[in-house]
N, C-alpha and C. Protein backbone atom coordinates (compact mmCIF):
# COMPACT_ATOMS: atom_id res chain seq x y z
N MET A 1 -29.33 8.09 0.94
CA MET A 1 -29.16 7.08 1.97
C MET A 1 -27.83 6.34 1.81
N LEU A 2 -27.52 5.94 0.56
CA LEU A 2 -26.27 5.22 0.31
C LEU A 2 -25.07 6.10 0.64
N ASP A 3 -25.17 7.40 0.32
CA ASP A 3 -24.07 8.32 0.64
C ASP A 3 -23.86 8.44 2.15
N GLN A 4 -24.95 8.42 2.92
CA GLN A 4 -24.83 8.48 4.37
C GLN A 4 -24.15 7.23 4.93
N ILE A 5 -24.49 6.08 4.35
CA ILE A 5 -23.87 4.83 4.79
C ILE A 5 -22.38 4.85 4.47
N LYS A 6 -22.03 5.31 3.26
CA LYS A 6 -20.62 5.39 2.87
C LYS A 6 -19.86 6.33 3.80
N ALA A 7 -20.47 7.49 4.09
CA ALA A 7 -19.82 8.45 4.98
C ALA A 7 -19.61 7.86 6.37
N HIS A 8 -20.61 7.17 6.88
CA HIS A 8 -20.50 6.53 8.20
C HIS A 8 -19.40 5.47 8.20
N LEU A 9 -19.35 4.65 7.14
CA LEU A 9 -18.31 3.63 7.04
C LEU A 9 -16.92 4.25 6.98
N LEU A 10 -16.78 5.33 6.20
CA LEU A 10 -15.48 6.00 6.12
C LEU A 10 -15.06 6.57 7.47
N ASP A 11 -16.02 7.16 8.21
CA ASP A 11 -15.71 7.66 9.55
C ASP A 11 -15.27 6.53 10.47
N SER A 12 -15.96 5.40 10.38
CA SER A 12 -15.60 4.25 11.22
C SER A 12 -14.22 3.72 10.86
N ILE A 13 -13.93 3.64 9.56
CA ILE A 13 -12.61 3.19 9.12
C ILE A 13 -11.53 4.13 9.62
N ASN A 14 -11.79 5.44 9.53
CA ASN A 14 -10.81 6.42 10.01
C ASN A 14 -10.52 6.24 11.50
N ASP A 15 -11.57 5.98 12.29
CA ASP A 15 -11.37 5.75 13.73
C ASP A 15 -10.55 4.50 13.99
N ILE A 16 -10.87 3.43 13.27
CA ILE A 16 -10.13 2.17 13.44
C ILE A 16 -8.68 2.35 13.05
N VAL A 17 -8.45 3.01 11.92
CA VAL A 17 -7.08 3.21 11.43
C VAL A 17 -6.28 4.05 12.41
N SER A 18 -6.90 5.09 12.94
CA SER A 18 -6.21 5.96 13.89
C SER A 18 -5.76 5.18 15.12
N THR A 19 -6.64 4.36 15.65
CA THR A 19 -6.30 3.55 16.83
C THR A 19 -5.24 2.51 16.49
N ALA A 20 -5.42 1.82 15.36
CA ALA A 20 -4.47 0.78 14.97
C ALA A 20 -3.09 1.36 14.70
N ASN A 21 -3.05 2.57 14.15
CA ASN A 21 -1.76 3.20 13.87
C ASN A 21 -0.93 3.38 15.14
N GLN A 22 -1.58 3.67 16.25
CA GLN A 22 -0.84 3.85 17.50
C GLN A 22 -0.12 2.57 17.90
N PHE A 23 -0.77 1.44 17.70
CA PHE A 23 -0.13 0.16 18.02
C PHE A 23 0.98 -0.17 17.04
N LEU A 24 0.80 0.19 15.77
CA LEU A 24 1.81 -0.12 14.77
C LEU A 24 3.00 0.84 14.86
N LEU A 25 2.71 2.11 15.11
CA LEU A 25 3.78 3.10 15.20
C LEU A 25 4.66 2.87 16.42
N HIS A 26 4.07 2.34 17.46
CA HIS A 26 4.79 2.15 18.72
C HIS A 26 4.63 0.70 19.18
N PRO A 27 5.19 -0.26 18.43
CA PRO A 27 4.95 -1.67 18.75
C PRO A 27 5.48 -2.10 20.11
N LYS A 28 6.48 -1.43 20.64
CA LYS A 28 7.05 -1.85 21.93
C LYS A 28 6.62 -0.93 23.07
N LYS A 29 5.66 -0.09 22.80
CA LYS A 29 5.20 0.83 23.84
C LYS A 29 4.27 0.09 24.80
N ASP A 30 4.46 0.35 26.07
CA ASP A 30 3.58 -0.21 27.09
C ASP A 30 2.45 0.80 27.29
N PHE A 31 1.30 0.55 26.67
CA PHE A 31 0.22 1.52 26.71
C PHE A 31 -0.39 1.66 28.10
N SER A 32 -0.22 0.67 28.95
CA SER A 32 -0.75 0.80 30.31
C SER A 32 0.07 1.80 31.12
N ARG A 33 1.39 1.91 30.83
CA ARG A 33 2.24 2.86 31.55
C ARG A 33 2.42 4.16 30.77
N LYS A 34 1.94 4.18 29.52
CA LYS A 34 2.08 5.34 28.65
C LYS A 34 3.55 5.73 28.47
N SER A 35 4.41 4.74 28.37
CA SER A 35 5.82 5.01 28.12
C SER A 35 6.28 4.16 26.95
N GLN A 36 7.16 4.70 26.16
CA GLN A 36 7.65 3.99 24.99
C GLN A 36 8.99 3.35 25.29
N LEU A 37 9.09 2.05 25.02
CA LEU A 37 10.33 1.34 25.30
C LEU A 37 11.34 1.52 24.16
N THR A 38 10.90 1.33 22.93
CA THR A 38 11.75 1.57 21.76
C THR A 38 10.89 2.18 20.68
N ARG A 39 11.56 2.69 19.64
CA ARG A 39 10.81 3.30 18.55
C ARG A 39 11.34 2.79 17.23
N ASN A 40 10.44 2.36 16.37
CA ASN A 40 10.81 1.91 15.04
C ASN A 40 10.44 3.02 14.06
N LEU A 41 11.43 3.60 13.38
CA LEU A 41 11.19 4.75 12.54
C LEU A 41 10.58 4.39 11.18
N ASP A 42 10.84 3.21 10.66
CA ASP A 42 10.32 2.82 9.37
C ASP A 42 9.01 2.05 9.57
N GLU A 43 7.90 2.78 9.48
CA GLU A 43 6.60 2.19 9.78
C GLU A 43 6.21 1.11 8.78
N ARG A 44 6.52 1.33 7.51
CA ARG A 44 6.19 0.32 6.49
C ARG A 44 6.97 -0.96 6.75
N ALA A 45 8.25 -0.84 7.04
CA ALA A 45 9.07 -2.03 7.33
C ALA A 45 8.57 -2.73 8.59
N ALA A 46 8.17 -1.95 9.59
CA ALA A 46 7.63 -2.54 10.82
C ALA A 46 6.35 -3.31 10.52
N PHE A 47 5.51 -2.74 9.66
CA PHE A 47 4.29 -3.44 9.28
C PHE A 47 4.60 -4.74 8.55
N ILE A 48 5.55 -4.70 7.61
CA ILE A 48 5.92 -5.90 6.85
C ILE A 48 6.49 -6.96 7.78
N ASP A 49 7.31 -6.55 8.75
CA ASP A 49 7.84 -7.51 9.74
C ASP A 49 6.70 -8.15 10.54
N MET A 50 5.75 -7.32 10.95
CA MET A 50 4.61 -7.83 11.70
C MET A 50 3.80 -8.80 10.83
N LEU A 51 3.61 -8.45 9.57
CA LEU A 51 2.86 -9.30 8.65
C LEU A 51 3.54 -10.65 8.46
N LYS A 52 4.86 -10.63 8.31
CA LYS A 52 5.62 -11.87 8.08
C LYS A 52 5.55 -12.82 9.28
N THR A 53 5.48 -12.27 10.48
CA THR A 53 5.48 -13.11 11.67
C THR A 53 4.08 -13.42 12.20
N SER A 54 3.07 -12.86 11.55
CA SER A 54 1.70 -13.08 12.01
C SER A 54 1.25 -14.51 11.76
N SER A 55 0.44 -15.02 12.66
CA SER A 55 -0.09 -16.38 12.51
C SER A 55 -1.43 -16.38 11.76
N PHE A 56 -1.97 -15.20 11.45
CA PHE A 56 -3.24 -15.13 10.73
C PHE A 56 -3.09 -15.68 9.32
N LYS A 57 -4.02 -16.54 8.92
CA LYS A 57 -4.02 -17.07 7.56
C LYS A 57 -4.65 -16.08 6.59
N GLN A 58 -5.68 -15.38 7.05
CA GLN A 58 -6.34 -14.36 6.26
C GLN A 58 -6.61 -13.16 7.16
N ALA A 59 -6.62 -11.99 6.52
CA ALA A 59 -6.89 -10.77 7.28
C ALA A 59 -7.37 -9.69 6.33
N LEU A 60 -8.03 -8.71 6.89
CA LEU A 60 -8.37 -7.50 6.16
C LEU A 60 -7.56 -6.39 6.81
N VAL A 61 -6.65 -5.81 6.04
CA VAL A 61 -5.78 -4.76 6.54
C VAL A 61 -6.33 -3.42 6.06
N ILE A 62 -6.51 -2.49 6.97
CA ILE A 62 -6.98 -1.15 6.63
C ILE A 62 -5.82 -0.21 6.87
N MET A 63 -5.38 0.45 5.78
CA MET A 63 -4.19 1.30 5.86
C MET A 63 -4.55 2.75 5.60
N ASP A 64 -3.91 3.62 6.32
CA ASP A 64 -4.11 5.05 6.16
C ASP A 64 -3.04 5.60 5.22
N ARG A 65 -3.20 6.87 4.87
CA ARG A 65 -2.18 7.53 4.06
C ARG A 65 -0.83 7.36 4.73
N GLY A 66 0.19 7.21 3.92
CA GLY A 66 1.52 6.98 4.47
C GLY A 66 1.91 5.52 4.39
N TYR A 67 0.92 4.64 4.35
CA TYR A 67 1.21 3.22 4.17
C TYR A 67 1.02 2.80 2.72
N GLU A 68 0.54 3.73 1.89
CA GLU A 68 0.35 3.41 0.48
C GLU A 68 1.72 3.13 -0.13
N SER A 69 1.93 1.91 -0.47
CA SER A 69 3.23 1.47 -0.97
C SER A 69 3.02 0.17 -1.75
N TYR A 70 3.62 0.11 -2.92
CA TYR A 70 3.52 -1.11 -3.71
C TYR A 70 4.14 -2.28 -2.95
N ASN A 71 5.18 -2.01 -2.19
CA ASN A 71 5.84 -3.05 -1.41
C ASN A 71 4.90 -3.62 -0.35
N VAL A 72 4.21 -2.76 0.37
CA VAL A 72 3.27 -3.20 1.40
C VAL A 72 2.13 -3.99 0.76
N MET A 73 1.59 -3.48 -0.36
CA MET A 73 0.49 -4.19 -1.03
C MET A 73 0.94 -5.57 -1.50
N ALA A 74 2.15 -5.65 -2.05
CA ALA A 74 2.66 -6.94 -2.55
C ALA A 74 2.81 -7.95 -1.41
N HIS A 75 3.29 -7.49 -0.26
CA HIS A 75 3.42 -8.40 0.88
C HIS A 75 2.05 -8.88 1.37
N CYS A 76 1.05 -8.00 1.35
CA CYS A 76 -0.30 -8.42 1.72
C CYS A 76 -0.81 -9.47 0.73
N GLN A 77 -0.59 -9.24 -0.54
CA GLN A 77 -1.05 -10.18 -1.55
C GLN A 77 -0.33 -11.52 -1.43
N GLU A 78 0.95 -11.50 -1.10
CA GLU A 78 1.70 -12.75 -0.93
C GLU A 78 1.11 -13.59 0.19
N ARG A 79 0.57 -12.93 1.20
CA ARG A 79 -0.04 -13.65 2.34
C ARG A 79 -1.52 -13.94 2.09
N ASN A 80 -2.04 -13.50 0.94
CA ASN A 80 -3.45 -13.66 0.60
C ASN A 80 -4.35 -12.88 1.56
N TRP A 81 -3.84 -11.73 2.01
CA TRP A 81 -4.62 -10.84 2.86
C TRP A 81 -5.29 -9.78 1.99
N SER A 82 -6.49 -9.40 2.35
CA SER A 82 -7.19 -8.32 1.67
C SER A 82 -6.76 -7.00 2.30
N TYR A 83 -6.89 -5.92 1.54
CA TYR A 83 -6.51 -4.62 2.10
C TYR A 83 -7.33 -3.50 1.50
N ILE A 84 -7.51 -2.47 2.30
CA ILE A 84 -8.14 -1.22 1.89
C ILE A 84 -7.14 -0.12 2.22
N ILE A 85 -6.92 0.76 1.25
CA ILE A 85 -5.94 1.83 1.46
C ILE A 85 -6.60 3.18 1.19
N ARG A 86 -6.44 4.09 2.13
CA ARG A 86 -6.83 5.47 1.87
C ARG A 86 -5.57 6.16 1.37
N ILE A 87 -5.60 6.59 0.10
CA ILE A 87 -4.40 7.16 -0.51
C ILE A 87 -4.46 8.68 -0.49
N ARG A 88 -3.28 9.28 -0.60
CA ARG A 88 -3.18 10.74 -0.62
C ARG A 88 -3.73 11.29 -1.93
N ASP A 89 -4.09 12.56 -1.92
CA ASP A 89 -4.64 13.22 -3.11
C ASP A 89 -3.60 14.04 -3.87
N GLY A 90 -2.44 14.26 -3.31
CA GLY A 90 -1.46 15.18 -3.89
C GLY A 90 -0.91 14.78 -5.24
N ASN A 91 -0.11 15.68 -5.80
CA ASN A 91 0.47 15.47 -7.13
C ASN A 91 1.44 14.30 -7.18
N ASN A 92 2.13 14.00 -6.10
CA ASN A 92 3.10 12.91 -6.09
C ASN A 92 2.54 11.63 -5.47
N SER A 93 1.24 11.53 -5.41
CA SER A 93 0.64 10.35 -4.77
C SER A 93 0.45 9.22 -5.78
N MET A 94 0.17 8.07 -5.25
CA MET A 94 -0.11 6.89 -6.06
C MET A 94 -1.31 7.14 -6.98
N LYS A 95 -2.22 7.97 -6.53
CA LYS A 95 -3.45 8.25 -7.28
C LYS A 95 -3.15 8.79 -8.68
N THR A 96 -2.12 9.58 -8.83
CA THR A 96 -1.82 10.19 -10.13
C THR A 96 -1.28 9.19 -11.13
N SER A 97 -0.89 8.00 -10.68
CA SER A 97 -0.35 6.98 -11.58
C SER A 97 -1.44 6.21 -12.32
N PHE A 98 -2.67 6.32 -11.87
CA PHE A 98 -3.75 5.50 -12.42
C PHE A 98 -4.81 6.35 -13.08
N ARG A 99 -5.62 5.71 -13.91
CA ARG A 99 -6.83 6.33 -14.44
C ARG A 99 -7.98 5.90 -13.53
N LEU A 100 -8.43 6.85 -12.73
CA LEU A 100 -9.45 6.56 -11.72
C LEU A 100 -10.71 7.37 -12.00
N PRO A 101 -11.86 6.92 -11.52
CA PRO A 101 -13.09 7.69 -11.69
C PRO A 101 -12.98 9.04 -10.98
N ASP A 102 -13.62 10.03 -11.54
CA ASP A 102 -13.59 11.37 -10.95
C ASP A 102 -14.77 11.52 -9.99
N THR A 103 -14.75 10.71 -8.94
CA THR A 103 -15.79 10.75 -7.92
C THR A 103 -15.10 10.73 -6.55
N PRO A 104 -15.77 11.24 -5.51
CA PRO A 104 -15.12 11.29 -4.20
C PRO A 104 -14.88 9.91 -3.58
N CYS A 105 -15.68 8.92 -3.96
CA CYS A 105 -15.53 7.60 -3.38
C CYS A 105 -15.70 6.56 -4.49
N PHE A 106 -14.79 5.61 -4.54
CA PHE A 106 -14.89 4.56 -5.56
C PHE A 106 -14.16 3.32 -5.08
N ASP A 107 -14.44 2.23 -5.73
CA ASP A 107 -13.82 0.95 -5.41
C ASP A 107 -13.28 0.39 -6.72
N GLU A 108 -11.97 0.24 -6.83
CA GLU A 108 -11.35 -0.24 -8.07
C GLU A 108 -10.46 -1.43 -7.77
N GLU A 109 -10.51 -2.41 -8.66
CA GLU A 109 -9.60 -3.55 -8.59
C GLU A 109 -8.65 -3.48 -9.77
N PHE A 110 -7.38 -3.85 -9.53
CA PHE A 110 -6.37 -3.81 -10.59
C PHE A 110 -5.60 -5.12 -10.61
N ASP A 111 -5.26 -5.54 -11.80
CA ASP A 111 -4.23 -6.56 -11.99
C ASP A 111 -3.02 -5.80 -12.49
N LEU A 112 -2.14 -5.44 -11.57
CA LEU A 112 -1.04 -4.53 -11.87
C LEU A 112 0.28 -5.28 -11.99
N ASN A 113 0.98 -5.05 -13.09
CA ASN A 113 2.32 -5.59 -13.29
C ASN A 113 3.32 -4.51 -12.92
N ILE A 114 4.12 -4.75 -11.90
CA ILE A 114 5.12 -3.79 -11.47
C ILE A 114 6.47 -4.22 -12.03
N CYS A 115 7.13 -3.31 -12.73
CA CYS A 115 8.37 -3.64 -13.43
C CYS A 115 9.41 -2.55 -13.22
N ARG A 116 10.66 -2.93 -13.42
CA ARG A 116 11.75 -1.96 -13.37
C ARG A 116 12.34 -1.72 -14.76
N LYS A 117 11.80 -2.38 -15.76
CA LYS A 117 12.32 -2.25 -17.13
C LYS A 117 12.02 -0.87 -17.71
N GLN A 118 12.94 -0.38 -18.52
CA GLN A 118 12.75 0.92 -19.16
C GLN A 118 12.93 0.83 -20.68
N THR A 119 12.58 -0.30 -21.27
CA THR A 119 12.67 -0.41 -22.73
C THR A 119 11.56 0.43 -23.35
N ASN A 120 11.69 0.74 -24.63
CA ASN A 120 10.67 1.54 -25.31
C ASN A 120 9.31 0.85 -25.28
N VAL A 121 9.32 -0.47 -25.46
CA VAL A 121 8.06 -1.22 -25.41
C VAL A 121 7.40 -1.07 -24.04
N MET A 122 8.19 -1.20 -22.99
CA MET A 122 7.64 -1.08 -21.63
C MET A 122 7.16 0.35 -21.36
N LYS A 123 7.89 1.34 -21.84
CA LYS A 123 7.47 2.73 -21.63
C LYS A 123 6.11 2.98 -22.27
N GLU A 124 5.87 2.38 -23.44
CA GLU A 124 4.56 2.51 -24.09
C GLU A 124 3.47 1.86 -23.24
N LEU A 125 3.78 0.69 -22.70
CA LEU A 125 2.79 0.01 -21.84
C LEU A 125 2.49 0.84 -20.60
N TYR A 126 3.53 1.41 -19.97
CA TYR A 126 3.32 2.26 -18.78
C TYR A 126 2.41 3.43 -19.13
N ARG A 127 2.65 4.04 -20.29
CA ARG A 127 1.89 5.22 -20.69
C ARG A 127 0.46 4.85 -21.10
N ASP A 128 0.31 3.80 -21.92
CA ASP A 128 -1.00 3.47 -22.49
C ASP A 128 -1.91 2.67 -21.56
N PHE A 129 -1.32 1.93 -20.64
CA PHE A 129 -2.10 1.08 -19.75
C PHE A 129 -1.67 1.28 -18.29
N PRO A 130 -1.90 2.48 -17.74
CA PRO A 130 -1.41 2.75 -16.38
C PRO A 130 -2.08 1.91 -15.30
N ASN A 131 -3.25 1.36 -15.57
CA ASN A 131 -3.91 0.52 -14.57
C ASN A 131 -3.45 -0.93 -14.64
N GLN A 132 -2.60 -1.25 -15.63
CA GLN A 132 -2.08 -2.62 -15.75
C GLN A 132 -0.57 -2.70 -15.58
N TYR A 133 0.16 -1.61 -15.90
CA TYR A 133 1.63 -1.63 -15.84
C TYR A 133 2.12 -0.40 -15.10
N HIS A 134 3.08 -0.62 -14.21
CA HIS A 134 3.65 0.50 -13.46
C HIS A 134 5.17 0.34 -13.37
N PHE A 135 5.88 1.40 -13.69
CA PHE A 135 7.34 1.42 -13.57
C PHE A 135 7.72 1.76 -12.14
N LEU A 136 8.66 1.00 -11.61
CA LEU A 136 9.17 1.24 -10.26
C LEU A 136 10.66 1.53 -10.35
N PRO A 137 11.10 2.73 -9.98
CA PRO A 137 12.53 3.04 -10.07
C PRO A 137 13.37 2.16 -9.14
N HIS A 138 14.64 2.04 -9.47
CA HIS A 138 15.53 1.14 -8.71
C HIS A 138 15.69 1.56 -7.25
N ASN A 139 15.48 2.84 -6.95
CA ASN A 139 15.65 3.30 -5.56
C ASN A 139 14.37 3.15 -4.73
N ALA A 140 13.28 2.70 -5.36
CA ALA A 140 12.04 2.47 -4.61
C ALA A 140 12.11 1.10 -3.94
N SER A 141 11.71 1.05 -2.69
CA SER A 141 11.76 -0.19 -1.93
C SER A 141 10.69 -1.16 -2.45
N PHE A 142 11.14 -2.34 -2.86
CA PHE A 142 10.23 -3.39 -3.29
C PHE A 142 10.96 -4.71 -3.15
N ASP A 143 10.63 -5.44 -2.10
CA ASP A 143 11.37 -6.65 -1.74
C ASP A 143 11.24 -7.79 -2.74
N LEU A 144 10.18 -7.78 -3.54
CA LEU A 144 9.89 -8.91 -4.40
C LEU A 144 10.44 -8.76 -5.82
N LEU A 145 11.13 -7.68 -6.10
CA LEU A 145 11.78 -7.46 -7.41
C LEU A 145 13.25 -7.14 -7.18
N PRO A 146 14.13 -7.55 -8.10
CA PRO A 146 15.52 -7.12 -7.98
C PRO A 146 15.61 -5.60 -8.19
N ASN A 147 16.69 -4.98 -7.71
CA ASN A 147 16.84 -3.53 -7.84
C ASN A 147 17.05 -3.07 -9.27
N SER A 148 17.46 -3.97 -10.14
CA SER A 148 17.64 -3.61 -11.54
C SER A 148 17.12 -4.75 -12.40
N SER A 149 16.93 -4.46 -13.68
CA SER A 149 16.50 -5.51 -14.59
C SER A 149 17.20 -5.34 -15.93
N ARG A 150 17.31 -6.45 -16.63
CA ARG A 150 17.92 -6.42 -17.96
C ARG A 150 16.82 -6.47 -19.00
N LYS A 151 17.18 -6.06 -20.20
CA LYS A 151 16.23 -6.05 -21.30
C LYS A 151 15.61 -7.43 -21.53
N SER A 152 16.40 -8.46 -21.34
CA SER A 152 15.94 -9.82 -21.62
C SER A 152 15.10 -10.42 -20.49
N ASP A 153 15.04 -9.76 -19.34
CA ASP A 153 14.26 -10.29 -18.22
C ASP A 153 12.77 -10.31 -18.56
N PRO A 154 12.05 -11.33 -18.09
CA PRO A 154 10.59 -11.31 -18.29
C PRO A 154 9.96 -10.23 -17.42
N LEU A 155 8.70 -9.94 -17.67
CA LEU A 155 7.99 -8.94 -16.87
C LEU A 155 8.04 -9.26 -15.41
């Protein structure tokens, strides 16, 4: 019974996300005329812009694959918004960075420290505690951290 409820909820979330993606992917499209006025190619940046200008004090954001980004999550957290993300399963996905249960469906909470430091101490933390520490390369977009860090910088 519980599995059926979970499956139904996942189907509902997929439908909502699919519809919401059309509005986010084409923010200036006039859906009544079915014509697109302009196109924003960076969907994550468009979402962050929308989030920054939103008047909502709290929200639940449901994101599909492709929106999984530490930058997007950090902006949601800064606004005190809750979020659910369906992440990709592939080898280069966010999923491979964490120690997660080997089940098809799970709910995990993390207190994650995102850093750009590459000291030996930090490398050990990244390796030994992947659910608490994550290295972010300088070329990865993350508005809330500088592009580089010094050894003396705090976490």
